[in-house]
Amino acid sequence: MADPIRMTFCGYGPQSTHFSRGLKVIGDRLSRELGDRVAIDYVWNVMDEGLRPTDIHQYVSDGKFTLGYLSTSSLADQVPELAAADLPFVFADEDEARAAMDGALGAFFTRRMEAAHPGFRVLGYFENGFRHLSNRLHRIRRPEDMKDMRIRALDSAVQARTLEMLGAVPFRMGLKEAIVAMQKGEVDAQENPFANTVTYGVHRLHRFHTASRHFYISRGIFVNRAAYDSWPEDVRAAMRAAVAEAVTAQRGFAVAEEEESRHAIEAAGGEVIDLTPAERDAFVAAVRPVHDEARATIGDEVFRLLPRGAAVAN
């Protein structure tokens, strides 16, 4: 009997997170369908191995791992068109965002990322979801409330610029570094889905949480190209089907975990602030120039793929 095809899947969160559960859906389906033709291992959190989450795409390209996920924001400096996904208030709701990422917008991003990084293929997009503000200082209801607030930003120029437009002072840094900075009080604020805020323990550092829904972020699912291309067609087909199933499942997990995490924030003594429509409109107006700047930088092609219903995409 031939040796099994060995695969190692990786991510950057505990095994209990909806992303890790999504990875497990992929592995479980492959094991059911292919049996002992495959042998699958998991590294749930690369930070436990002393590795940087923002380099997962490179680890996959290099063959250190077979498959992993990473926020598209982490590749925006290398693939400029991805900046469109980092723009604030682009999607009206989850349904609109998912349709875009599963459709023409996601296909466009996939082509651009694969052209820039020939070592991997993109098989789909997990949902990181809508992001919210949290801080240790005071309630945020207006852009003015963010003036001079030191905030951790993802490694994305567009996202950092957005936070600047809101009056904050962004620090682009990795997650592990950011948590230490927040623990020391060197950074006042951060922005994340509630689920991430709770997973990484930030809800124990920050009292104030604003459900701003300012960014919607996806995490690409990357597979090593050389390994994938070497598999028999039925194995490749099984992988594609497993990823499709996992994307649907992970999004369901994410919605449930987001609600549970909101309750966890409140149980820990945190205050969750829901913006009124007028308050949200003030944030939308404050960041409108970011869209104009991005269009001038990355061109109109990707903007034509953004939802027509986006708050400020036109």
Foldseek 3Di string as FASTA:
>chain_A
DDQAAEFEEEEAFDCPALQNVLVVLLVVLLCVVVPRNYDYHYHYRCVVVVDFRLCVQVCQLVPVGFKYKFWLQSCCVQQVLSVVQFAWQQDPADVQVQCLCVDDLVVVSQVSVCVSRVFKHWLGKAWQFFKWKFFAPDEDLALVVQAAAEEEDANHPLNQVLNVLSRYHYDHDGDVVVVVCLVVVVHTMYMGQLLVCVRVVVLLRTQYIERLSTHIIIMTMIGGPVSLVPDPPVSNVSSSVSSVVSRVSSVVSVVVSSVVSVVVSVVSNHDYHYHDPVSSVNSCVSRLVSLVVSCVVPHCPSLVSGDPPGPRSD
